[in-house]
Each structure stands twice: as C-alpha cells, then as structure tokens.
Amino acid sequence: MMGEQQQGSKGATWRALGAMLPMDHILRRIDGLLDMQELRDALAPHYSARGRPSVAPDLLIRMALIGRLYGITSERRLCEEVRFNLAYRWFCRLPLDAKVPNHSTFSKNRHGRFRDANVFRVLFEQTVRRCVAAGLVARKDAAIDASFIAADASWQRKMRDGDTAASRLSKPVREWLVDQANAPAQDHGAPRGKPAALSRTDPGAAWSARTARGRFGYAFNVLIDTPGGVAVEVEASPARFAAEVDAARIMLARAGDYLDYQPKRVAADTAYGSGAFLAFVSDRGMIPHIPVMERSEQTNGKFPREAFRFDPEQNQYTCPAGKVLHYRGTHRQVGCLRYCASPTDCENCRLKRECTSAKNRSVTHSEHENVRDVVRSEMQTPMFQRSMRLRRGVERLFADAKGKRGLTRLHLRGLRGAEEEFLLGAAISNLVLLARPIDQTARKRVFPPKSERINHMAQVSRGRFEQTNAAAISSG
C-alpha cells in the first residue's frame, strides 16, 4: 500500500527546521514549485490497495531531487547527507527523530514502480508546463544538441559483434540481443551498420572516441527554447551521430504532441545538416537554421558537383565537356538520386583525367535538394547568425549538468536508466530557472580599456615565446 508523509505530532519539529532555513534558500523556492499529487497519481496503479504502508514515494522523489541538485551520485552517501543535513530534512518533510530510508529502497523503486510509471518523465513535463506558465518559453527560437555522458561500463570489458554467437553470454548482452531482434525496421536514413564494440555490462551504450581514451557512453540529447534556456524535451540515445539525429526527430515530434511546441526557427550544428532532417524540420512548419552538410568537396582532385549544370525540367546534369548525365535511379532509404554519363562519352572525353578514374562519371543529387538550397540562402541572413549565437545557450545546460550536478558518469545502466538520469537532470535545470529570484539583476561586465587589453595580450604572447625559446635551448 502506498505510504504517505504525515508529520502528525512531529509537525512542530518539522516547522522548527523550516524556521532555521533562510527564506531565500533554493530548496525553499523549489519546494513551492513541486506538485507531488500528480506524481502520486501516476504511481498509484503500481501500489497494492492492501498491506503495510510503504515508504512514501514523495520522500524518495524529493531525495532524488536533492541528489541531482547537489551532485550526490551515491545513494548511500545521499541517505547519510539527508540524515545529518537540516535543510535536506526540511525539504524531505523529515522531522529530527524520523528515520531515513535505506539506500536499497532507491534501487527497488527505481527499477520497479518508478520505471513502470515513468515518473521522472511526469516530473520533467511538469516543470516544462510551469516554465510555459511563467512565460519562460517564447516559442520562437529552439536549439538541439547532444553531449557525451560516460556509461557505467569499463572500457576494458568489451567484445566484438562476432562474439555474440558464443554459447555463454552475460545477462545484459542476452537481453540486448532480444531487444535488437524485436526492434522495428529502420524507415529513414542510411542503413545502420553493426557496432564495432559491445560492452559486456551495458551493451546499449555505444563505443565512442570523443574522449582522450575511448569510452562507452550515451548521448544526452536536449531540445531547448532559446534564449531562456528551458529544456523542452530530452531523449537518451547511444553516442552515435546517426542515433542523435533520430533522437532529434523524436524530440521535435513529442514536444509538438504534448506541448503543441512549434518554434519558428530550429538551430543545430552541422551534424544535423542532412537533407532528410532539414526536410523533416521544414515539413513541420519550422525554419531550419542548420548548416547544410556538404560533401561536394570530397572529390580527390576531380571535378566537384558544382562543375556540373543541373536542368530540373529535363531532370539531367550536363558535364563541363557538354555531355549529358541521365537519371539512373533513386536510393529511397538514403534519399539520393543518381545520374550517370555514358561510358562511350567518357572514354573519348578530353577531360576524363580531371573528371573521373572510373569508366564513366556519376553524380549524386539529394531528393531534398530544394530544401538544402533554401537553407543555403538562409545561411546568409543575419537571423541565421543570431540563431547560431543563441544555440550556444544549450552548452550552459550541459556545463551545469556535468560541473555542478555530477552528471559526468551515469549511475544507472541501460537506455532506460540513462533516460531517467537525463530527465532528472533536465528537470533540475528547469526548476533552477523557475526558482531564480524575481528581483535578481544581471551583473554587468566591465571591460578594461582597449589599451590595457592590448598590453595584456602582448605580455601573454611574449611569455609564451620566452617559454618556447627556453625549452628549445634546454633541449638543444
């Protein structure tokens, strides 16, 4: 049976704790922003109607918020901190003589009721609705980005894809293989290859070389509303660029469904600049402020595609020598149209050495080329440059999550575990934005005079030169 937090005769002790807490304390401000009844309603079907009352889910959720807010990643340490810290006790509605739950209670509820009820997504969407009600979501500019978060998996315990045929496999690997077999077929993008390496403890994580030493990890995908910096949607994915683009599609679609979120402009970096994703954003009525992913410069010294003239009416290309390249088919899954010249024309062509080393020259053309042309023209506007500046605001969320909230390495395993930690981190980010004092004024940056800045830069450059020169003399 679901337990409840009732102070009863101990309410005076809990009120005494509140009297010692400063009025402008962040926990006091966040406490007024939480709606625990909505979370209890989401969890109610997962508790029995009979039996002994359980630990109140309100208490566990409040303790989880404290752990993420103050970067306490260990559940054992979190229980100890709540036991001794008076501010934490007040936030958790625990009088001085009340008992703190055992750390194993977190594991039992995280992998059971909380995950079945998706309670952290309910909490996150609750904070987003509060941000909308507070006027922090302008619905004009949005930004998408992803950041690498290391998984709770050793880089040494990895296996190749061919090793999955072995008779003895770990339980996580067996469960991952079942999930991959039941996964729906891919309906867009280039065909996904098999992973180069699998973790024996967390096979859902992807092997990534973004760090100095390769690590297994997940991508923390966020859709924010700029310039306010409110996290509107969150999605966890393996740390692969293709999976991050798929996560961006999911976030835009989900935000439009539950929040009717349709910003005017969507900004992202070049990794999201494929024609298919640009068309997806454009079809939803938004302007993609995303640099177009260009591969036309990868020519190995041969003529680029810009040297060929396209005729949309005849649906054909004309090469620099005046020969025609006819349409030869479309790769629907990749969205690529192929145009080829006749081998006879290329064999006798005087420009073949500068054009191709094959029998005949072929040119690819995206079926979303019209959208790519629109985005190319948009890239020359001042509004596009403004979107690129506003897009940097998503780095604040990642910096706070890693530097202040302890989200440098995941505590939970699996894609669901990563999603829960990301949702909790984004919910804390939104709560901190909502809890800012209204009368707080921004600090003005005072720059030194221009002459002092030039002198300082000269001193730094001179010092670097002297250090390099001294190192060269000592080594020689």
Protein backbone atom coordinates (compact mmCIF):
# COMPACT_ATOMS: atom_id res chain seq x y z
CA MET A 1 0.00 0.00 0.00
CA MET A 2 1.28 3.47 -0.86
CA GLY A 3 2.58 5.28 2.21
CA GLU A 4 2.02 8.94 2.98
CA GLN A 5 4.16 11.58 4.62
CA GLN A 6 2.30 12.76 7.70
CA GLN A 7 4.03 14.84 10.32
CA GLY A 8 1.23 14.49 12.90
CA SER A 9 2.54 15.34 16.38
CA LYS A 10 6.00 15.74 14.88
CA GLY A 11 4.87 18.64 12.70
CA ALA A 12 6.18 21.16 15.22
CA THR A 13 9.68 19.69 14.84
CA TRP A 14 9.47 19.94 11.07
CA ARG A 15 8.25 23.58 11.32
CA ALA A 16 11.19 24.33 13.61
CA LEU A 17 13.52 23.10 10.85
CA GLY A 18 11.80 25.45 8.43
CA ALA A 19 12.34 28.37 10.79
CA MET A 20 16.10 27.78 10.64
CA LEU A 21 16.13 27.66 6.82
CA PRO A 22 16.75 31.07 5.15
CA MET A 23 13.78 32.44 3.23
CA ASP A 24 15.82 32.76 0.02
CA HIS A 25 17.24 29.21 0.17
CA ILE A 26 16.97 27.42 -3.17
CA LEU A 27 15.32 24.36 -1.59
CA ARG A 28 12.58 26.58 -0.18
CA ARG A 29 11.97 28.11 -3.61
CA ILE A 30 11.97 24.73 -5.37
CA ASP A 31 9.62 23.26 -2.76
CA GLY A 32 6.89 25.66 -3.85
CA LEU A 33 7.20 24.53 -7.47
CA LEU A 34 6.54 20.81 -6.96
CA ASP A 35 3.15 19.12 -7.38
CA MET A 36 3.55 15.82 -5.58
CA GLN A 37 -0.09 14.86 -6.02
CA GLU A 38 0.38 14.48 -9.78
CA LEU A 39 3.34 12.16 -9.18
CA ARG A 40 1.39 10.15 -6.61
CA ASP A 41 -1.48 9.75 -9.08
CA ALA A 42 0.94 8.40 -11.69
CA LEU A 43 2.34 5.90 -9.16
CA ALA A 44 -0.98 4.86 -7.58
CA PRO A 45 -1.74 1.96 -10.03
CA HIS A 46 1.62 0.38 -9.16
CA TYR A 47 0.87 0.01 -5.44
CA SER A 48 -1.37 -2.59 -3.82
CA ALA A 49 -4.61 -1.47 -2.19
CA ARG A 50 -3.88 -3.64 0.87
CA GLY A 51 -0.95 -4.41 3.11
CA ARG A 52 1.53 -2.46 5.16
CA PRO A 53 2.15 1.17 4.08
CA SER A 54 5.32 1.56 2.04
CA VAL A 55 7.92 4.29 2.18
CA ALA A 56 6.22 7.39 0.84
CA PRO A 57 7.15 7.91 -2.84
CA ASP A 58 7.16 11.69 -2.17
CA LEU A 59 10.15 11.19 0.12
CA LEU A 60 12.10 9.15 -2.43
CA ILE A 61 11.45 11.65 -5.22
CA ARG A 62 12.49 14.58 -3.03
CA MET A 63 15.67 12.76 -2.05
CA ALA A 64 16.41 12.03 -5.71
CA LEU A 65 15.99 15.75 -6.49
CA ILE A 66 18.44 16.66 -3.73
CA GLY A 67 20.95 14.12 -5.03
CA ARG A 68 20.89 15.55 -8.55
CA LEU A 69 20.74 19.20 -7.43
CA TYR A 70 23.87 18.90 -5.28
CA GLY A 71 25.68 16.31 -7.39
CA ILE A 72 25.41 13.45 -4.88
CA THR A 73 25.76 10.43 -7.15
CA SER A 74 25.98 7.73 -4.46
CA GLU A 75 22.68 6.63 -2.92
CA ARG A 76 24.46 5.53 0.25
CA ARG A 77 26.01 8.96 0.63
CA LEU A 78 22.67 10.62 -0.18
CA CYS A 79 20.98 8.81 2.70
CA GLU A 80 23.76 9.91 5.04
CA GLU A 81 23.54 13.53 3.87
CA VAL A 82 19.76 13.62 4.39
CA ARG A 83 20.24 12.13 7.82
CA PHE A 84 22.58 14.89 9.03
CA ASN A 85 21.65 17.96 6.92
CA LEU A 86 18.81 20.03 8.42
CA ALA A 87 17.93 21.73 5.11
CA TYR A 88 17.62 18.34 3.39
CA ARG A 89 15.41 17.07 6.23
CA TRP A 90 13.11 20.05 5.89
CA PHE A 91 12.82 19.61 2.10
CA CYS A 92 12.08 15.88 2.53
CA ARG A 93 9.46 16.51 5.27
CA LEU A 94 11.51 14.50 7.77
CA PRO A 95 11.40 15.58 11.43
CA LEU A 96 14.55 15.21 13.50
CA ASP A 97 13.56 11.89 15.01
CA ALA A 98 12.27 10.39 11.74
CA LYS A 99 14.18 7.55 10.13
CA VAL A 100 15.86 7.95 6.72
CA PRO A 101 15.04 5.14 4.22
CA ASN A 102 17.70 2.57 3.47
CA HIS A 103 19.69 3.04 0.26
CA SER A 104 18.37 -0.27 -1.11
CA THR A 105 14.88 1.27 -1.20
CA PHE A 106 16.02 3.51 -4.05
CA SER A 107 17.18 0.59 -6.18
CA LYS A 108 13.97 -1.33 -5.57
CA ASN A 109 11.74 1.57 -6.58
CA ARG A 110 13.90 2.92 -9.43
CA HIS A 111 13.91 -0.44 -11.25
CA GLY A 112 10.31 -1.19 -10.33
CA ARG A 113 7.48 1.26 -9.76
CA PHE A 114 9.27 4.44 -10.81
CA ARG A 115 10.36 2.95 -14.13
CA ASP A 116 6.97 1.34 -14.84
CA ALA A 117 5.14 4.60 -14.11
CA ASN A 118 7.73 6.69 -15.97
CA VAL A 119 7.58 9.05 -13.01
CA PHE A 120 10.66 11.08 -13.97
CA ARG A 121 9.12 11.99 -17.32
CA VAL A 122 5.98 13.08 -15.49
CA LEU A 123 8.17 15.24 -13.24
CA PHE A 124 10.07 16.70 -16.20
CA GLU A 125 6.94 17.56 -18.17
CA GLN A 126 5.52 19.15 -15.04
CA THR A 127 8.49 21.52 -14.89
CA VAL A 128 8.12 22.33 -18.61
CA ARG A 129 4.45 23.29 -18.14
CA ARG A 130 5.41 25.51 -15.21
CA CYS A 131 8.05 27.23 -17.37
CA VAL A 132 5.41 27.84 -20.06
CA ALA A 133 3.01 29.27 -17.48
CA ALA A 134 5.78 31.54 -16.15
CA GLY A 135 6.43 32.94 -19.63
CA LEU A 136 9.93 31.47 -19.97
CA VAL A 137 9.12 29.66 -23.25
CA ALA A 138 8.92 32.15 -26.14
CA ARG A 139 8.23 29.52 -28.88
CA LYS A 140 10.28 31.47 -31.42
CA ASP A 141 13.78 30.00 -31.36
CA ALA A 142 14.82 26.46 -30.42
CA ALA A 143 18.13 24.64 -30.39
CA ILE A 144 19.07 20.96 -30.48
CA ASP A 145 22.33 19.49 -29.31
CA ALA A 146 23.80 16.40 -27.66
CA SER A 147 26.59 15.78 -25.17
CA PHE A 148 28.53 12.63 -24.42
CA ILE A 149 27.97 11.07 -20.97
CA ALA A 150 30.13 8.11 -19.98
CA ALA A 151 28.27 4.90 -19.17
CA ASP A 152 28.83 2.80 -16.06
CA ALA A 153 30.89 0.34 -18.07
CA SER A 154 34.60 -0.36 -18.19
CA TRP A 155 36.37 0.35 -21.47
CA GLN A 156 38.33 -2.88 -20.98
CA ARG A 157 35.30 -5.18 -20.80
CA LYS A 158 34.30 -5.06 -24.44
CA MET A 159 33.55 -7.65 -27.06
CA ARG A 160 33.24 -7.73 -30.84
CA ASP A 161 29.96 -8.26 -32.64
CA GLY A 162 31.08 -11.69 -33.75
CA ASP A 163 31.47 -12.77 -30.11
CA THR A 164 27.69 -12.63 -29.59
CA ALA A 165 27.39 -16.08 -31.18
CA ALA A 166 29.13 -17.64 -28.17
CA SER A 167 27.18 -20.08 -26.03
CA ARG A 168 27.83 -18.26 -22.75
CA LEU A 169 26.87 -14.59 -22.68
CA SER A 170 26.19 -12.18 -19.83
CA LYS A 171 22.58 -11.40 -18.95
CA PRO A 172 22.74 -7.76 -20.19
CA VAL A 173 24.06 -8.93 -23.57
CA ARG A 174 21.33 -11.59 -23.90
CA GLU A 175 18.62 -9.02 -23.10
CA TRP A 176 20.15 -6.54 -25.55
CA LEU A 177 20.13 -9.14 -28.35
CA VAL A 178 16.43 -9.83 -27.71
CA ASP A 179 15.66 -6.10 -27.87
CA GLN A 180 17.57 -5.75 -31.13
CA ALA A 181 15.68 -8.67 -32.65
CA ASN A 182 12.33 -7.11 -31.69
CA ALA A 183 13.27 -3.57 -32.74
CA PRO A 184 11.17 -2.07 -35.57
CA ALA A 185 12.68 -1.77 -39.03
CA GLN A 186 14.50 1.44 -39.87
CA ASP A 187 12.38 3.67 -42.10
CA HIS A 188 14.77 6.52 -42.92
CA GLY A 189 18.47 7.34 -43.16
CA ALA A 190 21.40 5.28 -44.25
CA PRO A 191 21.41 1.62 -43.18
CA ARG A 192 22.96 1.23 -39.73
CA GLY A 193 26.00 -0.98 -39.51
CA LYS A 194 26.74 -3.32 -36.65
CA PRO A 195 28.54 -1.78 -33.64
CA ALA A 196 32.31 -2.11 -33.66
CA ALA A 197 32.41 -2.98 -29.95
CA LEU A 198 29.90 -4.08 -27.30
CA SER A 199 30.13 -3.67 -23.56
CA ARG A 200 29.61 -6.84 -21.56
CA THR A 201 27.95 -4.90 -18.72
CA ASP A 202 25.99 -2.26 -20.68
CA PRO A 203 25.64 -3.29 -24.35
CA GLY A 204 23.17 -0.48 -25.01
CA ALA A 205 26.00 2.06 -24.72
CA ALA A 206 28.00 2.93 -27.83
CA TRP A 207 31.76 2.90 -28.11
CA SER A 208 32.93 6.45 -28.72
CA ALA A 209 36.35 8.00 -29.27
CA ARG A 210 35.25 11.54 -28.36
CA THR A 211 37.28 11.40 -25.16
CA ALA A 212 41.07 11.09 -24.93
CA ARG A 213 40.64 7.37 -24.43
CA GLY A 214 37.70 5.58 -26.00
CA ARG A 215 34.73 5.08 -23.68
CA PHE A 216 31.28 3.52 -23.75
CA GLY A 217 28.59 6.12 -23.34
CA TYR A 218 25.24 7.65 -24.17
CA ALA A 219 24.21 10.92 -25.80
CA PHE A 220 22.33 13.44 -23.65
CA ASN A 221 20.01 14.93 -26.33
CA VAL A 222 18.21 18.16 -25.41
CA LEU A 223 15.75 20.45 -27.18
CA ILE A 224 15.82 23.89 -25.54
CA ASP A 225 13.89 27.08 -26.10
CA THR A 226 16.32 29.95 -26.57
CA PRO A 227 17.24 32.44 -25.25
CA GLY A 228 15.56 31.42 -21.98
CA GLY A 229 17.34 28.07 -21.93
CA VAL A 230 14.33 25.97 -20.88
CA ALA A 231 14.74 22.28 -21.64
CA VAL A 232 11.57 21.43 -23.59
CA GLU A 233 12.43 17.81 -24.44
CA VAL A 234 15.04 15.21 -23.51
CA GLU A 235 15.98 11.93 -25.15
CA ALA A 236 18.69 9.37 -24.45
CA SER A 237 20.44 7.57 -27.31
CA PRO A 238 23.68 5.66 -27.89
CA ALA A 239 26.58 8.02 -28.52
CA ARG A 240 26.42 7.80 -32.33
CA PHE A 241 25.75 10.74 -34.64
CA ALA A 242 23.05 8.87 -36.56
CA ALA A 243 21.25 7.98 -33.32
CA GLU A 244 21.45 11.61 -32.19
CA VAL A 245 19.73 12.80 -35.38
CA ASP A 246 17.00 10.19 -34.83
CA ALA A 247 16.63 11.44 -31.25
CA ALA A 248 16.18 15.00 -32.57
CA ARG A 249 13.27 13.80 -34.70
CA ILE A 250 11.68 12.13 -31.68
CA MET A 251 12.08 15.23 -29.50
CA LEU A 252 10.54 17.61 -32.04
CA ALA A 253 7.60 15.26 -32.66
CA ARG A 254 6.98 14.59 -28.96
CA ALA A 255 7.18 18.28 -27.98
CA GLY A 256 4.69 19.10 -30.70
CA ASP A 257 2.28 16.42 -29.47
CA TYR A 258 2.15 17.02 -25.70
CA LEU A 259 3.01 20.74 -25.62
CA ASP A 260 1.99 21.96 -29.08
CA TYR A 261 5.51 23.32 -29.33
CA GLN A 262 6.13 24.71 -32.82
CA PRO A 263 9.00 27.22 -32.76
CA LYS A 264 9.64 29.44 -35.77
CA ARG A 265 13.32 28.50 -36.07
CA VAL A 266 15.33 25.43 -35.09
CA ALA A 267 19.11 25.72 -34.74
CA ALA A 268 21.68 22.92 -34.58
CA ASP A 269 25.22 22.18 -35.71
CA THR A 270 26.38 20.64 -38.98
CA ALA A 271 25.93 17.07 -37.70
CA TYR A 272 22.16 17.61 -38.13
CA GLY A 273 22.51 19.16 -41.60
CA SER A 274 21.49 16.18 -43.73
CA GLY A 275 18.85 16.76 -46.36
CA ALA A 276 16.39 14.33 -44.76
CA PHE A 277 16.50 16.07 -41.37
CA LEU A 278 16.28 19.54 -42.94
CA ALA A 279 13.18 18.38 -44.84
CA PHE A 280 11.72 16.92 -41.64
CA VAL A 281 12.08 20.25 -39.84
CA SER A 282 10.74 22.19 -42.81
CA ASP A 283 7.71 19.90 -43.20
CA ARG A 284 6.71 20.65 -39.60
CA GLY A 285 6.45 24.36 -40.43
CA MET A 286 9.78 25.42 -38.88
CA ILE A 287 12.76 27.15 -40.49
CA PRO A 288 15.92 25.02 -40.14
CA HIS A 289 18.81 27.24 -39.10
CA ILE A 290 21.26 24.39 -39.50
CA PRO A 291 24.43 24.48 -41.63
CA VAL A 292 23.99 22.22 -44.64
CA MET A 293 26.15 19.11 -44.55
CA GLU A 294 28.23 19.40 -47.70
CA ARG A 295 30.26 16.54 -49.11
CA SER A 296 30.83 18.01 -52.55
CA GLU A 297 34.41 18.94 -51.63
CA GLN A 298 35.36 15.28 -51.20
CA THR A 299 36.42 14.91 -54.84
CA ASN A 300 40.01 13.55 -54.61
CA GLY A 301 41.15 16.28 -57.02
CA LYS A 302 38.38 15.63 -59.57
CA PHE A 303 35.62 17.96 -60.75
CA PRO A 304 33.16 18.78 -57.92
CA ARG A 305 29.43 18.53 -58.40
CA GLU A 306 29.23 22.33 -58.76
CA ALA A 307 31.07 21.97 -62.08
CA PHE A 308 28.03 20.14 -63.49
CA ARG A 309 24.91 22.06 -64.52
CA PHE A 310 21.53 20.66 -63.45
CA ASP A 311 18.40 21.04 -65.57
CA PRO A 312 15.33 20.43 -63.37
CA GLU A 313 12.93 20.34 -66.32
CA GLN A 314 14.86 17.62 -68.16
CA ASN A 315 15.99 16.00 -64.89
CA GLN A 316 19.57 15.66 -66.04
CA TYR A 317 23.08 17.03 -65.50
CA THR A 318 25.47 18.44 -68.08
CA CYS A 319 29.21 17.93 -67.55
CA PRO A 320 31.93 20.56 -68.27
CA ALA A 321 32.55 18.90 -71.64
CA GLY A 322 28.88 19.32 -72.64
CA LYS A 323 27.86 15.65 -72.26
CA VAL A 324 24.58 14.68 -70.59
CA LEU A 325 24.33 12.64 -67.39
CA HIS A 326 20.94 10.87 -67.33
CA TYR A 327 18.90 9.85 -64.29
CA ARG A 328 19.63 6.23 -63.30
CA GLY A 329 17.53 5.63 -60.18
CA THR A 330 16.90 6.61 -56.57
CA HIS A 331 18.08 5.08 -53.33
CA ARG A 332 14.88 5.62 -51.34
CA GLN A 333 16.26 4.83 -47.90
CA VAL A 334 19.11 7.31 -48.25
CA GLY A 335 17.11 9.77 -50.37
CA CYS A 336 19.77 10.02 -53.08
CA LEU A 337 19.23 10.39 -56.85
CA ARG A 338 21.98 9.10 -59.17
CA TYR A 339 22.93 10.48 -62.59
CA CYS A 340 25.44 8.74 -64.87
CA ALA A 341 27.17 9.59 -68.12
CA SER A 342 27.56 7.16 -70.97
CA PRO A 343 30.80 5.10 -70.86
CA THR A 344 31.29 5.90 -74.54
CA ASP A 345 31.16 9.65 -73.92
CA CYS A 346 33.61 9.41 -71.02
CA GLU A 347 36.04 7.13 -72.90
CA ASN A 348 36.65 9.68 -75.65
CA CYS A 349 36.42 12.77 -73.45
CA ARG A 350 39.45 15.08 -73.27
CA LEU A 351 38.64 15.99 -69.65
CA LYS A 352 38.36 12.47 -68.29
CA ARG A 353 41.65 12.69 -66.37
CA GLU A 354 40.30 15.70 -64.40
CA CYS A 355 36.81 14.23 -64.09
CA THR A 356 36.94 10.55 -63.04
CA SER A 357 39.13 7.47 -62.87
CA ALA A 358 36.18 5.11 -63.46
CA LYS A 359 34.64 4.06 -66.76
CA ASN A 360 32.05 6.82 -66.53
CA ARG A 361 31.27 9.75 -64.24
CA SER A 362 28.29 9.67 -61.88
CA VAL A 363 26.81 12.50 -59.80
CA THR A 364 24.51 12.14 -56.79
CA HIS A 365 21.69 14.52 -56.08
CA SER A 366 19.61 14.64 -52.90
CA GLU A 367 15.85 14.38 -53.32
CA HIS A 368 15.67 17.20 -50.72
CA GLU A 369 17.94 19.48 -52.72
CA ASN A 370 15.29 22.20 -52.87
CA VAL A 371 15.23 22.36 -49.06
CA ARG A 372 19.03 22.40 -48.97
CA ASP A 373 19.02 25.36 -51.39
CA VAL A 374 16.57 27.25 -49.16
CA VAL A 375 18.77 26.64 -46.12
CA ARG A 376 21.88 27.72 -48.05
CA SER A 377 20.21 31.04 -48.82
CA GLU A 378 19.04 31.31 -45.20
CA MET A 379 22.65 30.88 -44.01
CA GLN A 380 23.50 34.29 -45.48
CA THR A 381 20.93 36.19 -43.38
CA PRO A 382 21.61 38.00 -40.06
CA MET A 383 18.85 35.95 -38.41
CA PHE A 384 20.80 32.76 -39.09
CA GLN A 385 23.88 34.21 -37.41
CA ARG A 386 21.70 35.19 -34.45
CA SER A 387 20.39 31.63 -34.18
CA MET A 388 23.97 30.32 -34.17
CA ARG A 389 24.78 32.61 -31.23
CA LEU A 390 21.64 31.62 -29.32
CA ARG A 391 22.41 27.93 -29.94
CA ARG A 392 25.38 28.17 -27.61
CA GLY A 393 22.95 28.51 -24.70
CA VAL A 394 22.46 24.75 -24.68
CA GLU A 395 26.08 24.44 -23.53
CA ARG A 396 25.06 26.10 -20.25
CA LEU A 397 22.74 23.20 -19.50
CA PHE A 398 25.45 20.65 -20.29
CA ALA A 399 28.06 22.56 -18.27
CA ASP A 400 25.78 22.77 -15.22
CA ALA A 401 24.81 19.11 -15.50
CA LYS A 402 28.43 17.96 -15.64
CA GLY A 403 30.14 20.55 -13.46
CA LYS A 404 27.52 21.15 -10.77
CA ARG A 405 25.12 18.20 -10.87
CA GLY A 406 27.64 15.36 -11.14
CA LEU A 407 26.37 14.04 -14.49
CA THR A 408 29.79 13.09 -15.83
CA ARG A 409 29.24 9.35 -15.50
CA LEU A 410 25.93 7.52 -15.33
CA HIS A 411 24.89 5.66 -12.20
CA LEU A 412 22.22 3.52 -13.90
CA ARG A 413 22.72 1.15 -16.82
CA GLY A 414 20.77 0.64 -20.00
CA LEU A 415 18.96 3.10 -22.24
CA ARG A 416 16.08 3.42 -19.77
CA GLY A 417 18.47 4.14 -16.93
CA ALA A 418 20.25 6.82 -18.96
CA GLU A 419 16.92 8.41 -19.89
CA GLU A 420 15.86 8.57 -16.22
CA GLU A 421 19.06 10.32 -15.22
CA PHE A 422 18.82 12.76 -18.13
CA LEU A 423 15.18 13.57 -17.35
CA LEU A 424 16.01 14.22 -13.71
CA GLY A 425 18.95 16.44 -14.69
CA ALA A 426 16.81 18.47 -17.14
CA ALA A 427 14.02 18.78 -14.56
CA ILE A 428 16.51 20.22 -12.05
CA SER A 429 17.74 22.67 -14.71
CA ASN A 430 14.18 23.92 -15.29
CA LEU A 431 13.46 24.12 -11.55
CA VAL A 432 16.57 26.22 -11.01
CA LEU A 433 15.42 28.60 -13.76
CA LEU A 434 11.99 28.86 -12.16
CA ALA A 435 13.47 29.37 -8.69
CA ARG A 436 15.54 32.40 -9.64
CA PRO A 437 14.67 35.48 -7.55
CA ILE A 438 12.47 37.89 -9.50
CA ASP A 439 14.41 40.96 -8.39
CA GLN A 440 17.78 39.47 -9.31
CA THR A 441 19.58 41.76 -11.74
CA ALA A 442 22.23 40.59 -14.14
CA ARG A 443 25.78 41.56 -13.36
CA LYS A 444 27.26 43.99 -15.85
CA ARG A 445 30.56 43.03 -17.37
CA VAL A 446 33.11 45.82 -17.05
CA PHE A 447 35.78 45.59 -19.71
CA PRO A 448 39.19 47.23 -19.24
CA PRO A 449 40.24 49.97 -21.65
CA LYS A 450 41.37 48.86 -25.06
CA SER A 451 45.00 49.88 -24.45
CA GLU A 452 45.17 47.70 -21.31
CA ARG A 453 43.72 44.71 -23.17
CA ILE A 454 46.32 45.07 -25.94
CA ASN A 455 49.16 45.32 -23.41
CA HIS A 456 47.87 42.23 -21.57
CA MET A 457 47.70 40.21 -24.79
CA ALA A 458 51.22 41.32 -25.70
CA GLN A 459 52.53 40.21 -22.31
CA VAL A 460 50.87 36.80 -22.67
CA SER A 461 52.31 36.32 -26.16
CA ARG A 462 55.78 37.43 -25.00
CA GLY A 463 55.65 34.98 -22.08
CA ARG A 464 54.69 32.08 -24.35
CA PHE A 465 57.52 32.94 -26.73
CA GLU A 466 60.06 33.05 -23.92
CA GLN A 467 58.86 29.70 -22.55
CA THR A 468 59.12 28.07 -26.00
CA ASN A 469 62.54 29.57 -26.63
CA ALA A 470 63.84 28.42 -23.23
CA ALA A 471 62.53 24.89 -23.84
CA ALA A 472 64.23 24.79 -27.24
CA ILE A 473 67.56 25.96 -25.80
CA SER A 474 67.45 23.43 -22.93
CA SER A 475 66.60 20.55 -25.30
CA GLY A 476 69.32 21.58 -27.75
